[in-house]
Amino acid sequence: MARQISHGSSALALEHRVAVLERQVAALAEAARLLAAAVEDAPLDTPDHDEPAPTAKRAHELLLLPPLTPAAGH
């Protein structure tokens, strides 16, 4: 699951891994934001998230997405 950074890792390989991790953290942060808003019953940016159950389902779906890879050119 978790790969270790080896002493001989290239800068490009490390940049790729950092980009993947940044996107995964962004998805996790969005899922946490959705869950927090649902629990607090706070309004969200979109009007279709007015009940906790659909919001929690969306957060769960975000966490089930396959591992992200950096966009082309990054």
PDB file of N, CA and C in Angstrom:
ATOM      1  N   MET A   1       0.830  -1.178   0.000  1.00  0.00           N
ATOM      2  CA  MET A   1       0.000   0.000   0.000  1.00  0.00           C
ATOM      3  C   MET A   1       0.879   1.247   0.000  1.00  0.00           C
ATOM      4  N   ALA A   2       1.573   1.521   1.077  1.00  0.00           N
ATOM      5  CA  ALA A   2       2.442   2.696   1.132  1.00  0.00           C
ATOM      6  C   ALA A   2       3.813   2.319   0.604  1.00  0.00           C
ATOM      7  N   ARG A   3       4.310   3.156  -0.274  1.00  0.00           N
ATOM      8  CA  ARG A   3       5.644   2.919  -0.810  1.00  0.00           C
ATOM      9  C   ARG A   3       6.625   3.820  -0.083  1.00  0.00           C
ATOM     10  N   GLN A   4       7.793   3.300   0.142  1.00  0.00           N
ATOM     11  CA  GLN A   4       8.836   4.067   0.798  1.00  0.00           C
ATOM     12  C   GLN A   4       9.626   4.852  -0.241  1.00  0.00           C
ATOM     13  N   ILE A   5      10.142   5.981   0.167  1.00  0.00           N
ATOM     14  CA  ILE A   5      11.005   6.771  -0.704  1.00  0.00           C
ATOM     15  C   ILE A   5      12.405   6.201  -0.563  1.00  0.00           C
ATOM     16  N   SER A   6      12.943   5.717  -1.663  1.00  0.00           N
ATOM     17  CA  SER A   6      14.280   5.148  -1.613  1.00  0.00           C
ATOM     18  C   SER A   6      15.312   6.242  -1.840  1.00  0.00           C
ATOM     19  N   HIS A   7      16.527   5.952  -1.448  1.00  0.00           N
ATOM     20  CA  HIS A   7      17.607   6.930  -1.571  1.00  0.00           C
ATOM     21  C   HIS A   7      17.856   7.300  -3.030  1.00  0.00           C
ATOM     22  N   GLY A   8      17.624   6.380  -3.947  1.00  0.00           N
ATOM     23  CA  GLY A   8      17.893   6.632  -5.353  1.00  0.00           C
ATOM     24  C   GLY A   8      16.694   7.129  -6.141  1.00  0.00           C
ATOM     25  N   SER A   9      15.626   7.539  -5.482  1.00  0.00           N
ATOM     26  CA  SER A   9      14.433   8.007  -6.192  1.00  0.00           C
ATOM     27  C   SER A   9      14.757   9.264  -6.988  1.00  0.00           C
ATOM     28  N   SER A  10      14.271   9.294  -8.220  1.00  0.00           N
ATOM     29  CA  SER A  10      14.519  10.462  -9.064  1.00  0.00           C
ATOM     30  C   SER A  10      13.614  11.614  -8.645  1.00  0.00           C
ATOM     31  N   ALA A  11      14.031  12.814  -8.994  1.00  0.00           N
ATOM     32  CA  ALA A  11      13.232  13.998  -8.679  1.00  0.00           C
ATOM     33  C   ALA A  11      11.882  13.920  -9.374  1.00  0.00           C
ATOM     34  N   LEU A  12      11.852  13.423 -10.600  1.00  0.00           N
ATOM     35  CA  LEU A  12      10.599  13.312 -11.341  1.00  0.00           C
ATOM     36  C   LEU A  12       9.643  12.331 -10.656  1.00  0.00           C
ATOM     37  N   ALA A  13      10.176  11.204 -10.189  1.00  0.00           N
ATOM     38  CA  ALA A  13       9.337  10.225  -9.492  1.00  0.00           C
ATOM     39  C   ALA A  13       8.784  10.815  -8.196  1.00  0.00           C
ATOM     40  N   LEU A  14       9.611  11.561  -7.487  1.00  0.00           N
ATOM     41  CA  LEU A  14       9.148  12.184  -6.245  1.00  0.00           C
ATOM     42  C   LEU A  14       8.101  13.255  -6.526  1.00  0.00           C
ATOM     43  N   GLU A  15       8.296  14.053  -7.575  1.00  0.00           N
ATOM     44  CA  GLU A  15       7.306  15.066  -7.947  1.00  0.00           C
ATOM     45  C   GLU A  15       5.975  14.414  -8.296  1.00  0.00           C
ATOM     46  N   HIS A  16       6.028  13.293  -8.998  1.00  0.00           N
ATOM     47  CA  HIS A  16       4.815  12.563  -9.370  1.00  0.00           C
ATOM     48  C   HIS A  16       4.080  12.096  -8.122  1.00  0.00           C
ATOM     49  N   ARG A  17       4.813  11.507  -7.192  1.00  0.00           N
ATOM     50  CA  ARG A  17       4.190  11.012  -5.964  1.00  0.00           C
ATOM     51  C   ARG A  17       3.595  12.143  -5.141  1.00  0.00           C
ATOM     52  N   VAL A  18       4.284  13.277  -5.076  1.00  0.00           N
ATOM     53  CA  VAL A  18       3.764  14.429  -4.337  1.00  0.00           C
ATOM     54  C   VAL A  18       2.487  14.937  -4.993  1.00  0.00           C
ATOM     55  N   ALA A  19       2.465  14.997  -6.326  1.00  0.00           N
ATOM     56  CA  ALA A  19       1.266  15.463  -7.032  1.00  0.00           C
ATOM     57  C   ALA A  19       0.087  14.535  -6.762  1.00  0.00           C
ATOM     58  N   VAL A  20       0.323  13.234  -6.780  1.00  0.00           N
ATOM     59  CA  VAL A  20      -0.739  12.267  -6.487  1.00  0.00           C
ATOM     60  C   VAL A  20      -1.238  12.461  -5.055  1.00  0.00           C
ATOM     61  N   LEU A  21      -0.323  12.593  -4.121  1.00  0.00           N
ATOM     62  CA  LEU A  21      -0.713  12.790  -2.721  1.00  0.00           C
ATOM     63  C   LEU A  21      -1.482  14.090  -2.524  1.00  0.00           C
ATOM     64  N   GLU A  22      -1.073  15.152  -3.216  1.00  0.00           N
ATOM     65  CA  GLU A  22      -1.793  16.424  -3.092  1.00  0.00           C
ATOM     66  C   GLU A  22      -3.234  16.283  -3.563  1.00  0.00           C
ATOM     67  N   ARG A  23      -3.451  15.568  -4.657  1.00  0.00           N
ATOM     68  CA  ARG A  23      -4.811  15.380  -5.158  1.00  0.00           C
ATOM     69  C   ARG A  23      -5.622  14.494  -4.223  1.00  0.00           C
ATOM     70  N   GLN A  24      -4.991  13.485  -3.638  1.00  0.00           N
ATOM     71  CA  GLN A  24      -5.699  12.622  -2.696  1.00  0.00           C
ATOM     72  C   GLN A  24      -6.079  13.393  -1.431  1.00  0.00           C
ATOM     73  N   VAL A  25      -5.196  14.246  -0.958  1.00  0.00           N
ATOM     74  CA  VAL A  25      -5.500  15.067   0.213  1.00  0.00           C
ATOM     75  C   VAL A  25      -6.636  16.030  -0.101  1.00  0.00           C
ATOM     76  N   ALA A  26      -6.651  16.589  -1.307  1.00  0.00           N
ATOM     77  CA  ALA A  26      -7.739  17.494  -1.699  1.00  0.00           C
ATOM     78  C   ALA A  26      -9.077  16.758  -1.696  1.00  0.00           C
ATOM     79  N   ALA A  27      -9.103  15.521  -2.202  1.00  0.00           N
ATOM     80  CA  ALA A  27     -10.341  14.734  -2.199  1.00  0.00           C
ATOM     81  C   ALA A  27     -10.771  14.413  -0.769  1.00  0.00           C
ATOM     82  N   LEU A  28      -9.819  14.078   0.078  1.00  0.00           N
ATOM     83  CA  LEU A  28     -10.126  13.792   1.478  1.00  0.00           C
ATOM     84  C   LEU A  28     -10.646  15.042   2.188  1.00  0.00           C
ATOM     85  N   ALA A  29     -10.048  16.187   1.906  1.00  0.00           N
ATOM     86  CA  ALA A  29     -10.514  17.437   2.510  1.00  0.00           C
ATOM     87  C   ALA A  29     -11.935  17.765   2.065  1.00  0.00           C
ATOM     88  N   GLU A  30     -12.244  17.535   0.794  1.00  0.00           N
ATOM     89  CA  GLU A  30     -13.600  17.790   0.300  1.00  0.00           C
ATOM     90  C   GLU A  30     -14.599  16.849   0.975  1.00  0.00           C
ATOM     91  N   ALA A  31     -14.226  15.582   1.135  1.00  0.00           N
ATOM     92  CA  ALA A  31     -15.110  14.631   1.818  1.00  0.00           C
ATOM     93  C   ALA A  31     -15.335  15.062   3.266  1.00  0.00           C
ATOM     94  N   ALA A  32     -14.280  15.500   3.931  1.00  0.00           N
ATOM     95  CA  ALA A  32     -14.418  15.960   5.315  1.00  0.00           C
ATOM     96  C   ALA A  32     -15.292  17.208   5.390  1.00  0.00           C
ATOM     97  N   ARG A  33     -15.148  18.113   4.428  1.00  0.00           N
ATOM     98  CA  ARG A  33     -15.971  19.326   4.400  1.00  0.00           C
ATOM     99  C   ARG A  33     -17.443  18.968   4.238  1.00  0.00           C
ATOM    100  N   LEU A  34     -17.725  18.027   3.330  1.00  0.00           N
ATOM    101  CA  LEU A  34     -19.105  17.601   3.124  1.00  0.00           C
ATOM    102  C   LEU A  34     -19.694  16.977   4.384  1.00  0.00           C
ATOM    103  N   LEU A  35     -18.918  16.109   5.022  1.00  0.00           N
ATOM    104  CA  LEU A  35     -19.403  15.464   6.244  1.00  0.00           C
ATOM    105  C   LEU A  35     -19.607  16.475   7.370  1.00  0.00           C
ATOM    106  N   ALA A  36     -18.674  17.400   7.520  1.00  0.00           N
ATOM    107  CA  ALA A  36     -18.814  18.409   8.569  1.00  0.00           C
ATOM    108  C   ALA A  36     -20.047  19.273   8.331  1.00  0.00           C
ATOM    109  N   ALA A  37     -20.278  19.655   7.098  1.00  0.00           N
ATOM    110  CA  ALA A  37     -21.448  20.473   6.783  1.00  0.00           C
ATOM    111  C   ALA A  37     -22.736  19.704   7.055  1.00  0.00           C
ATOM    112  N   ALA A  38     -22.740  18.410   6.746  1.00  0.00           N
ATOM    113  CA  ALA A  38     -23.933  17.597   6.989  1.00  0.00           C
ATOM    114  C   ALA A  38     -24.207  17.473   8.484  1.00  0.00           C
ATOM    115  N   VAL A  39     -23.156  17.256   9.260  1.00  0.00           N
ATOM    116  CA  VAL A  39     -23.311  17.101  10.706  1.00  0.00           C
ATOM    117  C   VAL A  39     -23.745  18.418  11.345  1.00  0.00           C
ATOM    118  N   GLU A  40     -23.175  19.508  10.886  1.00  0.00           N
ATOM    119  CA  GLU A  40     -23.503  20.816  11.456  1.00  0.00           C
ATOM    120  C   GLU A  40     -24.796  21.378  10.890  1.00  0.00           C
ATOM    121  N   ASP A  41     -25.318  20.732   9.859  1.00  0.00           N
ATOM    122  CA  ASP A  41     -26.502  21.205   9.161  1.00  0.00           C
ATOM    123  C   ASP A  41     -26.274  22.611   8.607  1.00  0.00           C
ATOM    124  N   ALA A  42     -25.031  22.824   8.152  1.00  0.00           N
ATOM    125  CA  ALA A  42     -24.665  24.123   7.580  1.00  0.00           C
ATOM    126  C   ALA A  42     -24.989  24.124   6.091  1.00  0.00           C
ATOM    127  N   PRO A  43     -25.359  25.265   5.551  1.00  0.00           N
ATOM    128  CA  PRO A  43     -25.621  25.331   4.110  1.00  0.00           C
ATOM    129  C   PRO A  43     -24.329  25.152   3.322  1.00  0.00           C
ATOM    130  N   LEU A  44     -24.442  24.488   2.194  1.00  0.00           N
ATOM    131  CA  LEU A  44     -23.303  24.292   1.304  1.00  0.00           C
ATOM    132  C   LEU A  44     -23.452  25.187   0.089  1.00  0.00           C
ATOM    133  N   ASP A  45     -22.443  25.190  -0.735  1.00  0.00           N
ATOM    134  CA  ASP A  45     -22.452  26.012  -1.941  1.00  0.00           C
ATOM    135  C   ASP A  45     -23.539  25.599  -2.916  1.00  0.00           C
ATOM    136  N   THR A  46     -23.892  24.315  -2.916  1.00  0.00           N
ATOM    137  CA  THR A  46     -24.873  23.828  -3.881  1.00  0.00           C
ATOM    138  C   THR A  46     -26.196  23.547  -3.184  1.00  0.00           C
ATOM    139  N   PRO A  47     -27.306  23.908  -3.800  1.00  0.00           N
ATOM    140  CA  PRO A  47     -28.611  23.741  -3.157  1.00  0.00           C
ATOM    141  C   PRO A  47     -29.092  22.295  -3.060  1.00  0.00           C
ATOM    142  N   ASP A  48     -28.484  21.353  -3.787  1.00  0.00           N
ATOM    143  CA  ASP A  48     -28.968  19.972  -3.758  1.00  0.00           C
ATOM    144  C   ASP A  48     -28.465  19.190  -2.550  1.00  0.00           C
ATOM    145  N   HIS A  49     -27.680  19.801  -1.697  1.00  0.00           N
ATOM    146  CA  HIS A  49     -27.166  19.132  -0.503  1.00  0.00           C
ATOM    147  C   HIS A  49     -27.883  19.669   0.729  1.00  0.00           C
ATOM    148  N   ASP A  50     -29.164  19.354   0.848  1.00  0.00           N
ATOM    149  CA  ASP A  50     -29.914  19.887   1.983  1.00  0.00           C
ATOM    150  C   ASP A  50     -30.232  18.838   3.039  1.00  0.00           C
ATOM    151  N   GLU A  51     -29.800  17.609   2.850  1.00  0.00           N
ATOM    152  CA  GLU A  51     -30.009  16.563   3.846  1.00  0.00           C
ATOM    153  C   GLU A  51     -28.681  15.871   4.123  1.00  0.00           C
ATOM    154  N   PRO A  52     -28.462  15.424   5.361  1.00  0.00           N
ATOM    155  CA  PRO A  52     -27.199  14.763   5.692  1.00  0.00           C
ATOM    156  C   PRO A  52     -26.948  13.473   4.916  1.00  0.00           C
ATOM    157  N   ALA A  53     -27.964  12.656   4.677  1.00  0.00           N
ATOM    158  CA  ALA A  53     -27.748  11.360   4.023  1.00  0.00           C
ATOM    159  C   ALA A  53     -27.140  11.499   2.626  1.00  0.00           C
ATOM    160  N   PRO A  54     -27.690  12.328   1.732  1.00  0.00           N
ATOM    161  CA  PRO A  54     -27.057  12.469   0.414  1.00  0.00           C
ATOM    162  C   PRO A  54     -25.654  13.063   0.506  1.00  0.00           C
ATOM    163  N   THR A  55     -25.449  13.953   1.451  1.00  0.00           N
ATOM    164  CA  THR A  55     -24.129  14.549   1.617  1.00  0.00           C
ATOM    165  C   THR A  55     -23.131  13.512   2.091  1.00  0.00           C
ATOM    166  N   ALA A  56     -23.526  12.698   3.045  1.00  0.00           N
ATOM    167  CA  ALA A  56     -22.650  11.638   3.532  1.00  0.00           C
ATOM    168  C   ALA A  56     -22.362  10.631   2.429  1.00  0.00           C
ATOM    169  N   LYS A  57     -23.363  10.324   1.617  1.00  0.00           N
ATOM    170  CA  LYS A  57     -23.162   9.395   0.503  1.00  0.00           C
ATOM    171  C   LYS A  57     -22.143   9.961  -0.479  1.00  0.00           C
ATOM    172  N   ARG A  58     -22.240  11.248  -0.785  1.00  0.00           N
ATOM    173  CA  ARG A  58     -21.294  11.888  -1.708  1.00  0.00           C
ATOM    174  C   ARG A  58     -19.882  11.852  -1.132  1.00  0.00           C
ATOM    175  N   ALA A  59     -19.737  12.121   0.157  1.00  0.00           N
ATOM    176  CA  ALA A  59     -18.423  12.066   0.795  1.00  0.00           C
ATOM    177  C   ALA A  59     -17.858  10.652   0.719  1.00  0.00           C
ATOM    178  N   HIS A  60     -18.699   9.668   0.961  1.00  0.00           N
ATOM    179  CA  HIS A  60     -18.269   8.277   0.882  1.00  0.00           C
ATOM    180  C   HIS A  60     -17.824   7.931  -0.532  1.00  0.00           C
ATOM    181  N   GLU A  61     -18.562   8.393  -1.531  1.00  0.00           N
ATOM    182  CA  GLU A  61     -18.193   8.143  -2.925  1.00  0.00           C
ATOM    183  C   GLU A  61     -16.837   8.764  -3.256  1.00  0.00           C
ATOM    184  N   LEU A  62     -16.568   9.949  -2.723  1.00  0.00           N
ATOM    185  CA  LEU A  62     -15.269  10.583  -2.950  1.00  0.00           C
ATOM    186  C   LEU A  62     -14.137   9.720  -2.406  1.00  0.00           C
ATOM    187  N   LEU A  63     -14.367   9.124  -1.248  1.00  0.00           N
ATOM    188  CA  LEU A  63     -13.330   8.302  -0.632  1.00  0.00           C
ATOM    189  C   LEU A  63     -13.151   6.960  -1.328  1.00  0.00           C
ATOM    190  N   LEU A  64     -14.161   6.511  -2.079  1.00  0.00           N
ATOM    191  CA  LEU A  64     -14.067   5.234  -2.777  1.00  0.00           C
ATOM    192  C   LEU A  64     -13.475   5.354  -4.174  1.00  0.00           C
ATOM    193  N   LEU A  65     -13.217   6.571  -4.620  1.00  0.00           N
ATOM    194  CA  LEU A  65     -12.649   6.754  -5.953  1.00  0.00           C
ATOM    195  C   LEU A  65     -11.293   6.064  -6.036  1.00  0.00           C
ATOM    196  N   PRO A  66     -10.924   5.586  -7.225  1.00  0.00           N
ATOM    197  CA  PRO A  66      -9.609   4.961  -7.365  1.00  0.00           C
ATOM    198  C   PRO A  66      -8.513   5.991  -7.118  1.00  0.00           C
ATOM    199  N   PRO A  67      -7.305   5.534  -6.821  1.00  0.00           N
ATOM    200  CA  PRO A  67      -6.201   6.472  -6.597  1.00  0.00           C
ATOM    201  C   PRO A  67      -6.070   7.429  -7.770  1.00  0.00           C
ATOM    202  N   LEU A  68      -5.827   8.681  -7.448  1.00  0.00           N
ATOM    203  CA  LEU A  68      -5.716   9.709  -8.471  1.00  0.00           C
ATOM    204  C   LEU A  68      -4.295   9.770  -9.011  1.00  0.00           C
ATOM    205  N   THR A  69      -4.192  10.142 -10.256  1.00  0.00           N
ATOM    206  CA  THR A  69      -2.886  10.371 -10.857  1.00  0.00           C
ATOM    207  C   THR A  69      -2.828  11.823 -11.287  1.00  0.00           C
ATOM    208  N   PRO A  70      -1.639  12.389 -11.365  1.00  0.00           N
ATOM    209  CA  PRO A  70      -1.547  13.792 -11.751  1.00  0.00           C
ATOM    210  C   PRO A  70      -2.084  14.016 -13.156  1.00  0.00           C
ATOM    211  N   ALA A  71      -2.589  15.202 -13.381  1.00  0.00           N
ATOM    212  CA  ALA A  71      -3.073  15.563 -14.712  1.00  0.00           C
ATOM    213  C   ALA A  71      -1.901  15.596 -15.678  1.00  0.00           C
ATOM    214  N   ALA A  72      -2.185  15.400 -16.947  1.00  0.00           N
ATOM    215  CA  ALA A  72      -1.139  15.395 -17.968  1.00  0.00           C
ATOM    216  C   ALA A  72      -0.377  16.712 -17.931  1.00  0.00           C
ATOM    217  N   GLY A  73       0.929  16.601 -18.060  1.00  0.00           N
ATOM    218  CA  GLY A  73       1.758  17.786 -18.086  1.00  0.00           C
ATOM    219  C   GLY A  73       2.232  18.245 -16.723  1.00  0.00           C
ATOM    220  N   HIS A  74       1.844  17.520 -15.658  1.00  0.00           N
ATOM    221  CA  HIS A  74       2.300  17.891 -14.313  1.00  0.00           C
ATOM    222  C   HIS A  74       3.352  16.946 -13.830  1.00  0.00           C
TER     223      HIS A  74
END
